[in-house]
Protein backbone atom coordinates (compact mmCIF):
# COMPACT_ATOMS: atom_id res chain seq x y z
CA MET A 1 -103.73 -33.02 -120.52
CA GLU A 2 -106.05 -36.08 -120.44
CA LYS A 3 -104.74 -37.03 -116.98
CA THR A 4 -105.49 -33.54 -115.70
CA SER A 5 -109.00 -33.75 -117.11
CA GLU A 6 -109.61 -37.12 -115.48
CA ALA A 7 -108.28 -35.82 -112.15
CA LEU A 8 -110.75 -32.96 -112.26
CA LYS A 9 -113.70 -35.18 -113.11
CA LYS A 10 -113.78 -37.07 -109.81
CA PRO A 11 -114.16 -34.08 -107.43
CA PHE A 12 -116.56 -32.47 -109.91
CA MET A 13 -118.78 -35.56 -110.01
CA THR A 14 -118.61 -35.86 -106.23
CA SER A 15 -119.83 -32.28 -105.92
CA ILE A 16 -122.69 -33.00 -108.33
CA VAL A 17 -123.75 -36.12 -106.40
CA LEU A 18 -123.58 -34.25 -103.09
CA ALA A 19 -125.63 -31.37 -104.50
CA MET A 20 -128.27 -33.81 -105.74
CA LEU A 21 -128.41 -35.50 -102.36
CA MET A 22 -128.82 -32.16 -100.60
CA LEU A 23 -131.60 -31.18 -103.01
CA SER A 24 -133.41 -34.50 -102.65
CA THR A 25 -133.09 -34.32 -98.87
CA SER A 26 -134.60 -30.84 -98.93
CA VAL A 27 -137.53 -31.97 -101.08
CA LEU A 28 -138.13 -35.09 -99.02
CA THR A 29 -137.91 -33.16 -95.79
CA LYS A 30 -140.68 -30.82 -96.94
CA ASN A 31 -142.88 -33.79 -97.83
CA LEU A 32 -142.08 -36.15 -94.97
CA ILE A 33 -141.26 -33.65 -92.20
CA PRO A 34 -139.58 -36.15 -89.84
CA THR A 35 -140.67 -35.45 -86.26
CA ASN A 36 -139.76 -38.58 -84.32
CA LYS A 37 -136.55 -37.67 -82.48
CA ILE A 38 -134.34 -40.68 -81.78
CA ALA A 39 -132.80 -38.76 -78.87
CA ASP A 40 -136.13 -38.87 -77.01
CA GLN A 41 -136.03 -42.68 -77.08
CA ARG A 42 -132.41 -43.01 -75.96
CA GLU A 43 -130.80 -42.71 -72.56
CA SER A 44 -130.06 -39.08 -71.79
CA ILE A 45 -126.41 -38.16 -71.53
CA THR A 46 -124.37 -35.43 -69.84
CA LEU A 47 -121.01 -34.90 -71.50
CA GLU A 48 -119.50 -33.42 -68.34
CA THR A 49 -119.95 -36.69 -66.44
CA MET A 50 -119.83 -39.05 -69.41
CA ILE A 51 -116.17 -38.27 -70.11
CA PRO A 52 -113.94 -38.99 -67.05
CA GLN A 53 -111.72 -36.22 -65.77
CA LYS A 54 -108.94 -38.73 -65.16
CA PHE A 55 -108.12 -42.02 -66.89
CA GLY A 56 -104.94 -43.99 -67.53
CA ASP A 57 -102.03 -41.56 -67.52
CA TRP A 58 -104.27 -38.58 -68.36
CA HIS A 59 -105.90 -35.91 -66.23
CA ILE A 60 -107.42 -32.48 -66.88
CA ASP A 61 -104.91 -29.65 -67.07
CA GLN A 62 -106.71 -26.83 -65.27
CA SER A 63 -104.04 -24.30 -66.29
CA ILE A 64 -104.97 -24.44 -69.99
CA ILE A 65 -107.98 -22.61 -71.40
CA PRO A 66 -109.35 -24.31 -74.56
CA LEU A 67 -109.45 -22.31 -77.80
CA GLN A 68 -112.62 -20.20 -77.90
CA VAL A 69 -114.66 -19.61 -81.06
CA ASP A 70 -116.03 -16.21 -82.06
CA ALA A 71 -119.55 -15.15 -81.08
CA GLU A 72 -121.05 -15.75 -84.54
CA THR A 73 -119.72 -19.31 -84.75
CA GLN A 74 -120.83 -20.01 -81.17
CA ALA A 75 -124.34 -18.82 -82.02
CA LYS A 76 -124.49 -21.31 -84.92
CA LEU A 77 -123.24 -24.11 -82.67
CA ASP A 78 -125.86 -23.30 -80.04
CA LYS A 79 -128.61 -23.73 -82.64
CA ILE A 80 -127.45 -27.22 -83.61
CA TYR A 81 -125.92 -28.66 -80.44
CA ASN A 82 -127.55 -29.23 -77.05
CA GLN A 83 -124.27 -29.80 -75.21
CA THR A 84 -120.59 -29.05 -75.75
CA LEU A 85 -117.51 -30.04 -73.79
CA ALA A 86 -113.98 -28.63 -74.10
CA ARG A 87 -111.06 -29.88 -72.01
CA THR A 88 -107.28 -30.12 -72.12
CA TYR A 89 -105.66 -33.26 -70.73
CA VAL A 90 -102.01 -33.77 -69.79
CA ASN A 91 -100.02 -36.94 -69.07
CA SER A 92 -97.04 -37.61 -66.81
CA SER A 93 -94.65 -36.68 -69.65
CA GLY A 94 -96.21 -33.23 -69.97
CA GLU A 95 -97.86 -34.04 -73.32
CA ARG A 96 -101.19 -32.28 -73.82
CA ILE A 97 -104.31 -33.26 -75.74
CA MET A 98 -107.28 -30.99 -76.38
CA LEU A 99 -110.68 -32.68 -76.45
CA SER A 100 -113.85 -31.06 -77.82
CA ILE A 101 -117.23 -32.79 -78.07
CA ALA A 102 -120.50 -31.37 -79.39
CA TYR A 103 -123.77 -33.30 -79.03
CA GLY A 104 -127.03 -32.48 -80.79
CA GLY A 105 -130.41 -34.14 -80.45
CA ASP A 106 -131.50 -32.99 -83.91
CA GLN A 107 -129.07 -33.80 -86.72
CA SER A 108 -131.47 -33.58 -89.65
CA ASP A 109 -129.62 -30.62 -91.14
CA ASN A 110 -126.21 -30.31 -92.80
CA LEU A 111 -123.33 -30.11 -90.31
CA ALA A 112 -120.75 -28.93 -92.86
CA VAL A 113 -120.39 -25.43 -91.41
CA HIS A 114 -119.39 -26.95 -88.09
CA LYS A 115 -116.62 -29.23 -89.28
CA PRO A 116 -113.25 -28.36 -87.74
CA GLU A 117 -111.76 -27.38 -91.11
CA VAL A 118 -114.52 -24.79 -91.50
CA CYS A 119 -114.56 -23.69 -87.88
CA TYR A 120 -110.79 -23.22 -87.69
CA TYR A 121 -110.69 -21.46 -91.05
CA SER A 122 -113.26 -18.94 -89.80
CA GLN A 123 -110.91 -18.26 -86.87
CA GLY A 124 -108.09 -17.28 -89.22
CA PHE A 125 -106.27 -20.62 -89.44
CA GLU A 126 -104.77 -22.06 -92.61
CA ILE A 127 -105.94 -25.64 -93.19
CA ASN A 128 -103.50 -28.19 -94.63
CA ASN A 129 -103.06 -31.92 -95.19
CA ILE A 130 -106.70 -33.07 -94.95
CA PHE A 131 -107.19 -36.81 -95.34
CA GLN A 132 -109.47 -39.65 -94.27
CA ASP A 133 -108.18 -42.45 -92.09
CA LYS A 134 -109.27 -45.41 -89.96
CA LEU A 135 -108.46 -45.84 -86.29
CA THR A 136 -108.34 -49.48 -85.22
CA THR A 137 -109.77 -49.91 -81.72
CA ILE A 138 -110.66 -52.99 -79.69
CA TYR A 139 -114.29 -52.24 -80.54
CA GLY A 140 -113.92 -51.84 -84.30
CA SER A 141 -112.50 -49.62 -87.04
CA LEU A 142 -113.45 -45.98 -86.45
CA PRO A 143 -113.64 -43.73 -89.56
CA ILE A 144 -111.77 -40.50 -88.80
CA LYS A 145 -110.54 -37.40 -90.55
CA ARG A 146 -107.16 -35.73 -90.06
CA LEU A 147 -105.98 -32.20 -90.83
CA SER A 148 -103.58 -29.53 -89.63
CA ALA A 149 -104.64 -26.02 -88.61
CA ILE A 150 -101.87 -23.38 -88.79
CA LYS A 151 -101.85 -19.85 -87.46
CA GLY A 152 -98.51 -18.09 -87.07
CA ASN A 153 -96.24 -20.37 -85.03
CA ARG A 154 -99.15 -22.51 -83.86
CA ILE A 155 -99.45 -25.83 -85.69
CA GLU A 156 -102.36 -27.96 -84.51
CA PRO A 157 -102.80 -31.47 -85.98
CA ILE A 158 -106.44 -32.51 -85.56
CA THR A 159 -108.27 -35.84 -85.54
CA TYR A 160 -112.06 -35.86 -85.59
CA TRP A 161 -115.10 -37.97 -86.31
CA MET A 162 -118.87 -37.57 -86.27
CA THR A 163 -121.75 -39.87 -85.45
CA ILE A 164 -125.24 -39.80 -86.92
CA GLY A 165 -127.57 -41.94 -84.82
CA ASP A 166 -125.72 -45.11 -83.90
CA ARG A 167 -123.03 -44.96 -86.59
CA ALA A 168 -119.79 -43.06 -87.08
CA VAL A 169 -119.73 -41.58 -90.58
CA MET A 170 -117.46 -39.55 -92.78
CA PRO A 171 -118.66 -35.96 -93.32
CA GLY A 172 -120.06 -35.30 -96.78
CA ILE A 173 -121.91 -37.85 -98.90
CA GLU A 174 -121.85 -40.62 -96.27
CA GLN A 175 -123.21 -38.18 -93.69
CA LYS A 176 -126.01 -37.00 -96.01
CA LEU A 177 -126.97 -40.57 -96.92
CA ARG A 178 -127.23 -41.46 -93.24
CA GLN A 179 -129.40 -38.42 -92.54
CA LEU A 180 -131.55 -39.22 -95.58
CA ARG A 181 -132.04 -42.81 -94.43
CA TYR A 182 -133.39 -41.61 -91.10
CA GLY A 183 -135.55 -38.97 -92.79
CA LEU A 184 -137.20 -41.55 -95.04
CA THR A 185 -138.42 -43.43 -91.94
CA GLY A 186 -139.75 -40.26 -90.34
CA ASN A 187 -136.97 -40.20 -87.73
CA VAL A 188 -134.62 -37.41 -86.71
CA PRO A 189 -131.22 -38.73 -85.57
CA ASP A 190 -129.04 -37.32 -82.84
CA GLY A 191 -125.28 -37.09 -83.27
CA MET A 192 -121.88 -36.05 -82.03
CA LEU A 193 -118.79 -34.38 -83.36
CA VAL A 194 -115.63 -35.36 -81.47
CA ARG A 195 -112.37 -33.48 -81.99
CA ILE A 196 -108.94 -34.43 -80.63
CA SER A 197 -105.98 -32.12 -81.23
CA SER A 198 -102.55 -31.12 -79.95
CA ILE A 199 -99.90 -28.50 -80.63
CA SER A 200 -96.98 -30.06 -82.50
CA PHE A 201 -94.60 -29.47 -85.40
CA ASP A 202 -94.50 -33.24 -85.95
CA GLU A 203 -97.83 -34.41 -87.40
CA ARG A 204 -96.93 -38.10 -87.30
CA LYS A 205 -96.00 -37.94 -83.62
CA ALA A 206 -99.10 -35.87 -82.85
CA TYR A 207 -101.45 -38.37 -84.49
CA TYR A 208 -99.76 -41.25 -82.66
CA LEU A 209 -100.34 -39.47 -79.33
CA GLN A 210 -103.94 -38.63 -80.26
CA ASP A 211 -104.63 -42.26 -81.19
CA LYS A 212 -103.23 -43.38 -77.84
CA PHE A 213 -105.41 -40.87 -76.01
CA ILE A 214 -108.54 -42.13 -77.79
CA LYS A 215 -107.70 -45.78 -77.11
CA ASP A 216 -107.06 -44.97 -73.43
CA LEU A 217 -110.36 -43.10 -73.16
CA LEU A 218 -112.79 -45.51 -74.83
CA PRO A 219 -112.63 -48.36 -72.25
CA MET A 220 -113.34 -45.82 -69.50
CA VAL A 221 -116.77 -44.95 -70.95
CA ASN A 222 -119.64 -47.38 -70.28
CA ILE A 223 -121.00 -49.41 -73.18
CA SER A 224 -124.18 -47.47 -73.95
CA GLN A 225 -122.42 -44.11 -73.76
CA ARG A 226 -119.47 -45.40 -75.79
CA ILE A 227 -121.89 -46.26 -78.60
CA ARG A 228 -123.07 -42.65 -78.51
CA LEU A 229 -119.43 -41.52 -78.67
CA ILE A 230 -118.11 -43.72 -81.51
CA GLY A 231 -121.17 -45.51 -82.85
CA ALA A 232 -121.89 -49.21 -82.99
CA PHE A 233 -119.81 -51.61 -85.07
CA ASP A 234 -121.05 -54.59 -87.06
CA ALA A 235 -120.16 -57.93 -85.53
C-alpha cells in the first residue's frame, strides 16, 4: 500500500509543479508582455525548400497522401504555426517514413494541445507506450519522445521532438521553463515540432528505421537551418 502511495505522489507532484509554472507564466506574461520576437532577428526559413526532397536512399513517395487532421484541429494549428510540411519518403527497400514539421514564430503559449499524442487521440487513435528517449547524432544527443498510435489494424510508432528558440526540449515542464526564461527577458521564442512515423507492427524495428532516417537527413540540412530543426548543442 505504501509503494502504491509513493508511486502516485510523483505524477501528482509533477502536475502541481506544472500547474504552478503555467500560473506564474500567465501572471508574468500579463505584467511583462514580451513583444520582441526572436523570429524577426533570425534568418527566415521555408520548410518546403529547407528539407530536401531526396537524400541518401530516401525520396518523396508521391503516391502516398499524408494523414490529414480534422478542420477543428487544423484551425488550432493555423493559429500557432506559420508553416507546416507533411511528406512521405520511401527507400530502395520500399520502407516508408512519414515526416511532419510545424514551425511557429510565436511560441509563448502552451503547445500541449498540439503534441502528437493529443492530436492523434483527437483523430480517434488509441495512444500506447509513451516514453522519453535520447537520439545520439553526430551533432549531439537529441531529446525525443516515442509513442504508438493505434486505430483498427493501423499501428503507427511515432518519434517526435520540439524546439523552443535554439534548444530542443521535452514537452511539459522543460518546455514551460524554456518559454518562461524567454518571457522574463521580454523575448518571444520561435519553435518547431518535428514528427517522424511509420506503419509497423514491430515498434523496435520502426524506431530503428526512424532513427536512421533522421541521421540520414540531418547532414543534408545546412548548419543554420539544422539548428532551427534540432536546436544547438553545448560543446
